[in-house]
């Protein structure tokens, strides 16, 4: 579309100008604040769709904070203490303990004696917790496939590669998002 421009620099005065030909465009001038909002909205969209599908598949009480805690528990093959879980999530032992209590009540985790230290209790995933993590992985694969169908597989791979390039490697798979966002 052509636009009228009035520049006093003696060029383009009262002329019809085709955008992109001689006059700089502001198309790339997206406000900086949109990037984190769009990234967060994408994350939230994926998580909300995940939990809707998990609810449909028999996990209606599972919440995002629970998923992070389940991952933190699963990170240790022998189980984890509340302190371990708190460290992995970036929250206090007490906050981790509350989340563990909820996971215990929902049947996603169970407490067991630590064979190496009788004073410690380990938290382990139950078959119900393992099922939730397994289903989560499958649903995330489906959600990624949906994005690939909508955007094209190359664009999704490019997006992932671009994010890997700007996200420090040591923070790529951190589980402490709930603490950073004020949860757990």
N, C-alpha and C. Protein backbone atom coordinates (compact mmCIF):
# COMPACT_ATOMS: atom_id res chain seq x y z
N UNK A 1 0.85 -1.18 0.00
CA UNK A 1 0.00 0.00 0.00
C UNK A 1 0.89 1.24 0.00
N UNK A 2 0.51 2.25 -0.74
CA UNK A 2 1.29 3.47 -0.83
C UNK A 2 0.88 4.44 0.27
N UNK A 3 1.84 5.23 0.73
CA UNK A 3 1.59 6.22 1.78
C UNK A 3 2.06 7.58 1.31
N UNK A 4 1.38 8.62 1.79
CA UNK A 4 1.84 10.00 1.55
C UNK A 4 2.85 10.35 2.61
N UNK A 5 3.94 10.97 2.20
CA UNK A 5 4.93 11.40 3.18
C UNK A 5 5.25 12.86 2.97
N UNK A 6 5.48 13.55 4.05
CA UNK A 6 5.90 14.95 4.02
C UNK A 6 7.19 15.06 4.82
N UNK A 7 8.31 15.08 4.14
CA UNK A 7 9.59 15.25 4.81
C UNK A 7 10.13 16.62 4.43
N UNK A 8 10.75 17.30 5.34
CA UNK A 8 11.29 18.63 5.05
C UNK A 8 12.73 18.58 4.58
N UNK A 9 13.24 17.39 4.41
CA UNK A 9 14.63 17.28 3.97
C UNK A 9 14.76 17.41 2.45
N UNK A 10 13.74 17.96 1.83
CA UNK A 10 13.70 18.19 0.40
C UNK A 10 13.51 16.89 -0.41
N UNK A 11 13.46 15.76 0.27
CA UNK A 11 13.20 14.52 -0.42
C UNK A 11 11.84 14.00 0.03
N UNK A 12 11.15 13.36 -0.82
CA UNK A 12 9.86 12.74 -0.52
C UNK A 12 8.79 13.73 -0.05
N UNK A 13 8.89 14.97 -0.39
CA UNK A 13 7.91 15.95 0.05
C UNK A 13 6.65 15.77 -0.77
N UNK A 14 5.53 15.48 -0.04
CA UNK A 14 4.23 15.26 -0.66
C UNK A 14 4.28 14.27 -1.81
N UNK A 15 5.01 13.21 -1.61
CA UNK A 15 5.08 12.17 -2.61
C UNK A 15 4.41 10.91 -2.09
N UNK A 16 3.94 10.12 -3.00
CA UNK A 16 3.42 8.81 -2.65
C UNK A 16 4.61 7.86 -2.66
N UNK A 17 4.80 7.17 -1.56
CA UNK A 17 5.97 6.31 -1.42
C UNK A 17 5.52 4.88 -1.18
N UNK A 18 6.14 3.98 -1.86
CA UNK A 18 5.89 2.55 -1.65
C UNK A 18 6.73 2.12 -0.45
N UNK A 19 6.09 1.62 0.63
CA UNK A 19 6.87 1.21 1.80
C UNK A 19 7.94 0.22 1.41
N UNK A 20 9.09 0.38 2.04
CA UNK A 20 10.20 -0.52 1.76
C UNK A 20 11.08 -0.04 0.64
N UNK A 21 10.70 1.04 -0.01
CA UNK A 21 11.51 1.57 -1.11
C UNK A 21 11.95 2.97 -0.75
N UNK A 22 13.06 3.06 -0.04
CA UNK A 22 13.63 4.36 0.25
C UNK A 22 13.22 4.95 1.58
N UNK A 23 12.13 4.51 2.18
CA UNK A 23 11.71 5.03 3.48
C UNK A 23 11.80 3.88 4.48
N UNK A 24 12.55 4.06 5.57
CA UNK A 24 12.69 2.98 6.54
C UNK A 24 11.35 2.58 7.14
N UNK A 25 11.18 1.31 7.36
CA UNK A 25 9.95 0.76 7.92
C UNK A 25 10.13 0.51 9.41
N UNK A 26 9.06 0.61 10.16
CA UNK A 26 9.10 0.31 11.58
C UNK A 26 8.57 -1.10 11.87
N UNK A 27 8.48 -1.95 10.85
CA UNK A 27 7.94 -3.29 11.03
C UNK A 27 8.74 -4.10 12.04
N UNK A 28 10.04 -3.88 12.14
CA UNK A 28 10.88 -4.62 13.07
C UNK A 28 10.98 -3.93 14.42
N UNK A 29 10.23 -2.90 14.62
CA UNK A 29 10.30 -2.15 15.88
C UNK A 29 9.30 -2.68 16.90
N UNK A 30 9.26 -4.01 17.06
CA UNK A 30 8.39 -4.62 18.05
C UNK A 30 8.89 -4.23 19.43
N UNK A 31 8.01 -3.80 20.31
CA UNK A 31 8.45 -3.42 21.65
C UNK A 31 9.11 -4.60 22.36
N UNK A 32 10.20 -4.35 23.07
CA UNK A 32 10.95 -5.39 23.75
C UNK A 32 10.14 -6.18 24.76
N UNK A 33 9.16 -5.55 25.38
CA UNK A 33 8.40 -6.25 26.42
C UNK A 33 7.53 -7.37 25.85
N UNK A 34 7.28 -7.35 24.53
CA UNK A 34 6.43 -8.39 23.95
C UNK A 34 7.10 -9.75 23.95
N UNK A 35 8.42 -9.81 23.79
CA UNK A 35 9.11 -11.09 23.71
C UNK A 35 8.89 -11.94 24.96
N UNK A 36 9.18 -11.43 26.16
CA UNK A 36 8.95 -12.29 27.33
C UNK A 36 7.48 -12.63 27.52
N UNK A 37 6.59 -11.71 27.18
CA UNK A 37 5.16 -12.01 27.31
C UNK A 37 4.73 -13.11 26.35
N UNK A 38 5.22 -13.05 25.12
CA UNK A 38 4.88 -14.09 24.15
C UNK A 38 5.49 -15.44 24.54
N UNK A 39 6.74 -15.42 25.02
CA UNK A 39 7.35 -16.67 25.48
C UNK A 39 6.57 -17.26 26.64
N UNK A 40 6.20 -16.40 27.59
CA UNK A 40 5.43 -16.87 28.75
C UNK A 40 4.06 -17.37 28.30
N UNK A 41 3.42 -16.66 27.39
CA UNK A 41 2.11 -17.09 26.91
C UNK A 41 2.21 -18.43 26.17
N UNK A 42 3.28 -18.63 25.42
CA UNK A 42 3.49 -19.92 24.78
C UNK A 42 3.68 -21.02 25.80
N UNK A 43 4.49 -20.76 26.81
CA UNK A 43 4.70 -21.72 27.90
C UNK A 43 3.39 -22.03 28.60
N UNK A 44 2.66 -20.98 28.93
CA UNK A 44 1.40 -21.18 29.65
C UNK A 44 0.39 -21.95 28.80
N UNK A 45 0.34 -21.65 27.52
CA UNK A 45 -0.57 -22.36 26.61
C UNK A 45 -0.24 -23.85 26.60
N UNK A 46 1.04 -24.17 26.48
CA UNK A 46 1.44 -25.58 26.49
C UNK A 46 1.08 -26.25 27.81
N UNK A 47 1.36 -25.59 28.92
CA UNK A 47 1.10 -26.18 30.24
C UNK A 47 -0.41 -26.35 30.46
N UNK A 48 -1.20 -25.37 30.07
CA UNK A 48 -2.65 -25.49 30.24
C UNK A 48 -3.22 -26.62 29.38
N UNK A 49 -2.73 -26.75 28.17
CA UNK A 49 -3.19 -27.85 27.31
C UNK A 49 -2.74 -29.19 27.87
N UNK A 50 -1.50 -29.23 28.38
CA UNK A 50 -1.02 -30.46 29.01
C UNK A 50 -1.93 -30.88 30.14
N UNK A 51 -2.24 -29.95 31.04
CA UNK A 51 -3.05 -30.31 32.20
C UNK A 51 -4.49 -30.62 31.85
N UNK A 52 -5.02 -30.01 30.83
CA UNK A 52 -6.37 -30.37 30.38
C UNK A 52 -6.37 -31.82 29.87
N UNK A 53 -5.34 -32.17 29.12
CA UNK A 53 -5.26 -33.54 28.60
C UNK A 53 -4.97 -34.54 29.73
N UNK A 54 -4.09 -34.17 30.65
CA UNK A 54 -3.82 -35.07 31.79
C UNK A 54 -5.09 -35.30 32.61
N UNK A 55 -5.89 -34.27 32.79
CA UNK A 55 -7.15 -34.42 33.52
C UNK A 55 -8.05 -35.40 32.79
N UNK A 56 -8.10 -35.28 31.47
CA UNK A 56 -8.92 -36.19 30.67
C UNK A 56 -8.42 -37.63 30.78
N UNK A 57 -7.11 -37.77 30.97
CA UNK A 57 -6.50 -39.10 31.03
C UNK A 57 -6.39 -39.66 32.46
N UNK A 58 -7.08 -39.04 33.42
CA UNK A 58 -7.11 -39.61 34.75
C UNK A 58 -6.27 -38.92 35.80
N UNK A 59 -5.78 -37.73 35.51
CA UNK A 59 -4.97 -36.97 36.47
C UNK A 59 -5.55 -35.56 36.66
N UNK A 60 -6.81 -35.47 37.13
CA UNK A 60 -7.47 -34.17 37.21
C UNK A 60 -6.94 -33.24 38.31
N UNK A 61 -6.26 -33.79 39.31
CA UNK A 61 -5.78 -32.96 40.42
C UNK A 61 -4.34 -32.49 40.25
N UNK A 62 -3.68 -32.93 39.20
CA UNK A 62 -2.28 -32.57 38.99
C UNK A 62 -2.18 -31.12 38.56
N UNK A 63 -1.30 -30.38 39.19
CA UNK A 63 -1.08 -28.96 38.90
C UNK A 63 0.34 -28.75 38.38
N UNK A 64 0.62 -27.62 37.74
CA UNK A 64 1.98 -27.38 37.23
C UNK A 64 3.06 -27.52 38.30
N UNK A 65 2.85 -27.00 39.48
CA UNK A 65 3.86 -27.12 40.54
C UNK A 65 4.11 -28.59 40.87
N UNK A 66 3.07 -29.42 40.78
CA UNK A 66 3.24 -30.84 41.04
C UNK A 66 4.15 -31.47 40.00
N UNK A 67 3.99 -31.05 38.76
CA UNK A 67 4.83 -31.60 37.69
C UNK A 67 6.30 -31.32 37.93
N UNK A 68 6.62 -30.10 38.35
CA UNK A 68 8.01 -29.77 38.66
C UNK A 68 8.51 -30.63 39.81
N UNK A 69 7.68 -30.81 40.84
CA UNK A 69 8.07 -31.63 41.98
C UNK A 69 8.25 -33.10 41.58
N UNK A 70 7.36 -33.61 40.74
CA UNK A 70 7.50 -34.99 40.27
C UNK A 70 8.81 -35.17 39.52
N UNK A 71 9.17 -34.17 38.70
CA UNK A 71 10.45 -34.22 37.98
C UNK A 71 11.62 -34.21 38.97
N UNK A 72 11.51 -33.40 40.01
CA UNK A 72 12.58 -33.31 41.01
C UNK A 72 12.74 -34.64 41.74
N UNK A 73 11.64 -35.30 42.04
CA UNK A 73 11.69 -36.61 42.71
C UNK A 73 12.28 -37.64 41.76
N UNK A 74 11.84 -37.62 40.51
CA UNK A 74 12.29 -38.60 39.52
C UNK A 74 13.77 -38.44 39.18
N UNK A 75 14.34 -37.28 39.46
CA UNK A 75 15.75 -37.04 39.13
C UNK A 75 16.68 -37.96 39.91
N UNK A 76 16.23 -38.48 41.03
CA UNK A 76 17.04 -39.39 41.82
C UNK A 76 16.43 -40.79 41.74
N UNK A 77 17.19 -41.76 41.28
CA UNK A 77 16.62 -43.09 41.10
C UNK A 77 16.21 -43.78 42.40
N UNK A 78 16.74 -43.32 43.53
CA UNK A 78 16.44 -43.97 44.81
C UNK A 78 15.43 -43.19 45.64
N UNK A 79 15.00 -42.06 45.15
CA UNK A 79 14.11 -41.19 45.90
C UNK A 79 14.84 -39.95 46.35
N UNK A 80 14.11 -39.01 46.88
CA UNK A 80 14.70 -37.74 47.28
C UNK A 80 14.11 -37.31 48.62
N UNK A 81 14.88 -36.60 49.39
CA UNK A 81 14.36 -36.03 50.63
C UNK A 81 13.66 -34.72 50.30
N UNK A 82 12.91 -34.22 51.26
CA UNK A 82 12.26 -32.91 51.06
C UNK A 82 13.30 -31.83 50.83
N UNK A 83 14.45 -31.94 51.51
CA UNK A 83 15.52 -30.96 51.29
C UNK A 83 16.05 -31.04 49.86
N UNK A 84 16.24 -32.27 49.36
CA UNK A 84 16.70 -32.44 47.97
C UNK A 84 15.70 -31.80 47.00
N UNK A 85 14.43 -32.09 47.23
CA UNK A 85 13.38 -31.57 46.35
C UNK A 85 13.36 -30.04 46.42
N UNK A 86 13.47 -29.49 47.63
CA UNK A 86 13.51 -28.04 47.79
C UNK A 86 14.66 -27.41 47.04
N UNK A 87 15.84 -28.03 47.15
CA UNK A 87 17.02 -27.51 46.43
C UNK A 87 16.78 -27.54 44.92
N UNK A 88 16.25 -28.64 44.42
CA UNK A 88 16.03 -28.76 42.97
C UNK A 88 14.98 -27.77 42.48
N UNK A 89 14.00 -27.47 43.33
CA UNK A 89 12.94 -26.54 42.95
C UNK A 89 13.27 -25.09 43.30
N UNK A 90 14.31 -24.88 44.10
CA UNK A 90 14.67 -23.54 44.52
C UNK A 90 13.71 -22.98 45.55
N UNK A 91 13.17 -23.86 46.40
CA UNK A 91 12.26 -23.44 47.46
C UNK A 91 12.75 -23.99 48.79
N UNK A 92 12.15 -23.53 49.87
CA UNK A 92 12.54 -24.01 51.19
C UNK A 92 12.12 -25.47 51.38
N UNK A 93 12.74 -26.11 52.36
CA UNK A 93 12.37 -27.48 52.70
C UNK A 93 10.89 -27.53 53.11
N UNK A 94 10.42 -26.49 53.79
CA UNK A 94 9.03 -26.45 54.22
C UNK A 94 8.07 -26.36 53.03
N UNK A 95 8.41 -25.51 52.07
CA UNK A 95 7.56 -25.39 50.87
C UNK A 95 7.57 -26.69 50.09
N UNK A 96 8.74 -27.30 49.97
CA UNK A 96 8.81 -28.59 49.28
C UNK A 96 8.00 -29.63 50.04
N UNK A 97 8.08 -29.58 51.37
CA UNK A 97 7.33 -30.53 52.20
C UNK A 97 5.83 -30.42 51.97
N UNK A 98 5.33 -29.19 51.82
CA UNK A 98 3.89 -29.00 51.55
C UNK A 98 3.50 -29.63 50.22
N UNK A 99 4.34 -29.42 49.22
CA UNK A 99 4.04 -29.99 47.91
C UNK A 99 4.12 -31.52 47.98
N UNK A 100 5.12 -32.04 48.68
CA UNK A 100 5.24 -33.49 48.84
C UNK A 100 4.00 -34.03 49.56
N UNK A 101 3.57 -33.35 50.62
CA UNK A 101 2.36 -33.80 51.33
C UNK A 101 1.17 -33.89 50.39
N UNK A 102 1.04 -32.92 49.49
CA UNK A 102 -0.07 -32.95 48.54
C UNK A 102 0.09 -34.11 47.55
N UNK A 103 1.31 -34.34 47.09
CA UNK A 103 1.56 -35.46 46.19
C UNK A 103 1.29 -36.80 46.87
N UNK A 104 1.62 -36.89 48.15
CA UNK A 104 1.32 -38.10 48.92
C UNK A 104 -0.19 -38.30 49.02
N UNK A 105 -0.91 -37.23 49.33
CA UNK A 105 -2.37 -37.31 49.48
C UNK A 105 -3.04 -37.69 48.17
N UNK A 106 -2.47 -37.26 47.05
CA UNK A 106 -3.06 -37.56 45.74
C UNK A 106 -2.60 -38.92 45.19
N UNK A 107 -1.66 -39.55 45.87
CA UNK A 107 -1.18 -40.86 45.44
C UNK A 107 -0.08 -40.84 44.40
N UNK A 108 0.54 -39.69 44.19
CA UNK A 108 1.62 -39.59 43.20
C UNK A 108 2.98 -39.96 43.78
N UNK A 109 3.11 -39.92 45.08
CA UNK A 109 4.39 -40.19 45.74
C UNK A 109 4.12 -40.94 47.03
N UNK A 110 5.18 -41.57 47.53
CA UNK A 110 5.11 -42.28 48.81
C UNK A 110 6.43 -42.05 49.54
N UNK A 111 6.36 -42.12 50.85
CA UNK A 111 7.56 -41.99 51.67
C UNK A 111 8.12 -43.38 51.95
N UNK A 112 9.44 -43.45 52.01
CA UNK A 112 10.11 -44.71 52.32
C UNK A 112 11.32 -44.41 53.20
N UNK A 113 11.72 -45.38 53.99
CA UNK A 113 12.94 -45.23 54.80
C UNK A 113 14.14 -45.18 53.88
N UNK A 114 15.12 -44.37 54.26
CA UNK A 114 16.37 -44.30 53.53
C UNK A 114 17.27 -45.42 54.05
N UNK A 115 17.63 -46.40 53.22
CA UNK A 115 18.44 -47.50 53.71
C UNK A 115 19.83 -47.06 54.19
N UNK A 116 20.30 -45.90 53.71
CA UNK A 116 21.62 -45.41 54.10
C UNK A 116 21.60 -44.60 55.38
N UNK A 117 20.42 -44.12 55.80
CA UNK A 117 20.32 -43.26 56.98
C UNK A 117 18.91 -43.39 57.55
N UNK A 118 18.79 -44.08 58.67
CA UNK A 118 17.48 -44.36 59.27
C UNK A 118 16.74 -43.08 59.69
N UNK A 119 17.46 -41.97 59.84
CA UNK A 119 16.81 -40.71 60.25
C UNK A 119 16.11 -40.02 59.09
N UNK A 120 16.45 -40.40 57.87
CA UNK A 120 15.90 -39.72 56.69
C UNK A 120 14.77 -40.51 56.08
N UNK A 121 13.82 -39.75 55.53
CA UNK A 121 12.74 -40.35 54.75
C UNK A 121 12.93 -39.93 53.31
N UNK A 122 12.78 -40.87 52.41
CA UNK A 122 12.86 -40.58 50.98
C UNK A 122 11.46 -40.49 50.41
N UNK A 123 11.33 -39.67 49.42
CA UNK A 123 10.07 -39.57 48.67
C UNK A 123 10.32 -40.23 47.33
N UNK A 124 9.44 -41.15 46.98
CA UNK A 124 9.56 -41.87 45.72
C UNK A 124 8.25 -41.75 44.96
N UNK A 125 8.34 -41.87 43.66
CA UNK A 125 7.14 -41.86 42.84
C UNK A 125 6.41 -43.20 42.98
N UNK A 126 5.11 -43.12 43.00
CA UNK A 126 4.28 -44.32 42.97
C UNK A 126 4.01 -44.65 41.51
N UNK A 127 3.40 -45.79 41.24
CA UNK A 127 3.01 -46.08 39.84
C UNK A 127 2.12 -44.98 39.26
N UNK A 128 1.28 -44.37 40.11
CA UNK A 128 0.41 -43.27 39.66
C UNK A 128 1.27 -42.06 39.25
N UNK A 129 2.32 -41.77 40.02
CA UNK A 129 3.22 -40.66 39.68
C UNK A 129 4.02 -40.94 38.43
N UNK A 130 4.50 -42.17 38.29
CA UNK A 130 5.23 -42.56 37.08
C UNK A 130 4.31 -42.46 35.86
N UNK A 131 3.06 -42.89 36.03
CA UNK A 131 2.09 -42.78 34.94
C UNK A 131 1.89 -41.33 34.54
N UNK A 132 1.78 -40.44 35.52
CA UNK A 132 1.59 -39.01 35.21
C UNK A 132 2.76 -38.46 34.42
N UNK A 133 3.99 -38.79 34.84
CA UNK A 133 5.17 -38.31 34.10
C UNK A 133 5.24 -38.91 32.70
N UNK A 134 4.92 -40.18 32.58
CA UNK A 134 4.93 -40.83 31.27
C UNK A 134 3.90 -40.20 30.34
N UNK A 135 2.70 -39.99 30.86
CA UNK A 135 1.66 -39.36 30.05
C UNK A 135 2.04 -37.92 29.70
N UNK A 136 2.66 -37.21 30.64
CA UNK A 136 3.10 -35.83 30.37
C UNK A 136 4.06 -35.80 29.19
N UNK A 137 5.02 -36.71 29.18
CA UNK A 137 5.99 -36.76 28.09
C UNK A 137 5.29 -37.00 26.76
N UNK A 138 4.34 -37.93 26.75
CA UNK A 138 3.60 -38.22 25.51
C UNK A 138 2.77 -37.02 25.06
N UNK A 139 2.13 -36.33 26.01
CA UNK A 139 1.31 -35.17 25.67
C UNK A 139 2.20 -34.04 25.15
N UNK A 140 3.37 -33.84 25.77
CA UNK A 140 4.27 -32.80 25.27
C UNK A 140 4.71 -33.11 23.83
N UNK A 141 4.93 -34.38 23.53
CA UNK A 141 5.26 -34.76 22.15
C UNK A 141 4.10 -34.40 21.21
N UNK A 142 2.87 -34.65 21.64
CA UNK A 142 1.70 -34.31 20.82
C UNK A 142 1.57 -32.79 20.65
N UNK A 143 1.82 -32.04 21.72
CA UNK A 143 1.73 -30.58 21.64
C UNK A 143 2.79 -30.02 20.70
N UNK A 144 3.99 -30.57 20.78
CA UNK A 144 5.05 -30.12 19.87
C UNK A 144 4.66 -30.45 18.42
N UNK A 145 4.10 -31.64 18.21
CA UNK A 145 3.66 -32.02 16.87
C UNK A 145 2.57 -31.08 16.36
N UNK A 146 1.68 -30.63 17.26
CA UNK A 146 0.65 -29.67 16.88
C UNK A 146 1.28 -28.35 16.44
N UNK A 147 2.27 -27.88 17.20
CA UNK A 147 2.96 -26.65 16.81
C UNK A 147 3.64 -26.85 15.45
N UNK A 148 4.25 -28.01 15.24
CA UNK A 148 4.92 -28.28 13.96
C UNK A 148 3.90 -28.29 12.83
N UNK A 149 2.71 -28.83 13.08
CA UNK A 149 1.67 -28.84 12.05
C UNK A 149 1.20 -27.43 11.74
N UNK A 150 1.11 -26.58 12.75
CA UNK A 150 0.64 -25.20 12.55
C UNK A 150 1.70 -24.29 11.95
N UNK A 151 2.93 -24.42 12.46
CA UNK A 151 4.00 -23.51 12.07
C UNK A 151 4.93 -24.08 11.01
N UNK A 152 4.94 -25.39 10.90
CA UNK A 152 5.89 -26.09 10.04
C UNK A 152 7.02 -26.63 10.88
N UNK A 153 7.45 -27.84 10.59
CA UNK A 153 8.50 -28.46 11.42
C UNK A 153 9.81 -27.68 11.42
N UNK A 154 10.15 -27.06 10.29
CA UNK A 154 11.40 -26.29 10.24
C UNK A 154 11.35 -25.09 11.17
N UNK A 155 10.21 -24.40 11.22
CA UNK A 155 10.09 -23.22 12.09
C UNK A 155 10.17 -23.62 13.56
N UNK A 156 9.57 -24.76 13.91
CA UNK A 156 9.65 -25.22 15.31
C UNK A 156 11.09 -25.58 15.66
N UNK A 157 11.77 -26.30 14.76
CA UNK A 157 13.19 -26.63 15.02
C UNK A 157 14.02 -25.35 15.10
N UNK A 158 13.73 -24.37 14.23
CA UNK A 158 14.47 -23.10 14.27
C UNK A 158 14.20 -22.36 15.59
N UNK A 159 12.96 -22.38 16.03
CA UNK A 159 12.61 -21.74 17.31
C UNK A 159 13.37 -22.41 18.45
N UNK A 160 13.37 -23.73 18.47
CA UNK A 160 14.10 -24.46 19.53
C UNK A 160 15.59 -24.16 19.47
N UNK A 161 16.16 -24.15 18.28
CA UNK A 161 17.59 -23.85 18.12
C UNK A 161 17.90 -22.43 18.56
N UNK A 162 17.03 -21.49 18.21
CA UNK A 162 17.24 -20.10 18.60
C UNK A 162 17.19 -19.95 20.12
N UNK A 163 16.25 -20.62 20.76
CA UNK A 163 16.16 -20.55 22.22
C UNK A 163 17.37 -21.21 22.87
N UNK A 164 17.85 -22.33 22.32
CA UNK A 164 19.06 -22.96 22.86
C UNK A 164 20.25 -22.02 22.75
N UNK A 165 20.28 -21.20 21.69
CA UNK A 165 21.40 -20.28 21.47
C UNK A 165 21.42 -19.14 22.48
N UNK A 166 20.26 -18.74 22.98
CA UNK A 166 20.22 -17.59 23.90
C UNK A 166 20.03 -17.99 25.36
N UNK A 167 19.61 -19.21 25.62
CA UNK A 167 19.41 -19.67 27.00
C UNK A 167 20.71 -20.32 27.46
N UNK A 168 21.28 -19.85 28.57
CA UNK A 168 22.52 -20.48 29.05
C UNK A 168 22.30 -21.97 29.31
N UNK A 169 23.24 -22.79 28.86
CA UNK A 169 23.11 -24.25 28.94
C UNK A 169 22.80 -24.72 30.35
N UNK A 170 23.40 -24.09 31.35
CA UNK A 170 23.19 -24.55 32.73
C UNK A 170 21.78 -24.25 33.25
N UNK A 171 21.03 -23.43 32.55
CA UNK A 171 19.67 -23.12 33.00
C UNK A 171 18.60 -23.74 32.12
N UNK A 172 18.99 -24.46 31.09
CA UNK A 172 18.03 -24.99 30.13
C UNK A 172 16.96 -25.85 30.78
N UNK A 173 17.34 -26.76 31.65
CA UNK A 173 16.37 -27.68 32.22
C UNK A 173 16.27 -27.55 33.73
N UNK A 174 16.33 -26.33 34.21
CA UNK A 174 16.17 -26.09 35.65
C UNK A 174 14.72 -26.33 36.05
N UNK A 175 14.56 -26.85 37.25
CA UNK A 175 13.23 -27.16 37.76
C UNK A 175 12.70 -26.09 38.70
N UNK A 176 13.45 -25.03 38.91
CA UNK A 176 13.05 -24.05 39.92
C UNK A 176 12.13 -22.95 39.39
N UNK A 177 11.47 -23.19 38.28
CA UNK A 177 10.57 -22.17 37.71
C UNK A 177 9.44 -21.82 38.66
N UNK A 178 8.96 -22.79 39.42
CA UNK A 178 7.85 -22.50 40.32
C UNK A 178 8.26 -21.51 41.40
N UNK A 179 9.48 -21.63 41.89
CA UNK A 179 9.93 -20.67 42.91
C UNK A 179 10.13 -19.30 42.31
N UNK A 180 10.66 -19.26 41.09
CA UNK A 180 10.92 -18.00 40.42
C UNK A 180 9.62 -17.28 40.13
N UNK A 181 8.59 -18.04 39.80
CA UNK A 181 7.29 -17.45 39.49
C UNK A 181 6.43 -17.26 40.74
N UNK A 182 6.95 -17.67 41.91
CA UNK A 182 6.22 -17.46 43.16
C UNK A 182 5.29 -18.59 43.55
N UNK A 183 5.49 -19.77 42.97
CA UNK A 183 4.63 -20.91 43.28
C UNK A 183 5.21 -21.80 44.34
N UNK A 184 4.69 -23.00 44.41
CA UNK A 184 4.99 -24.10 45.33
C UNK A 184 4.68 -23.74 46.73
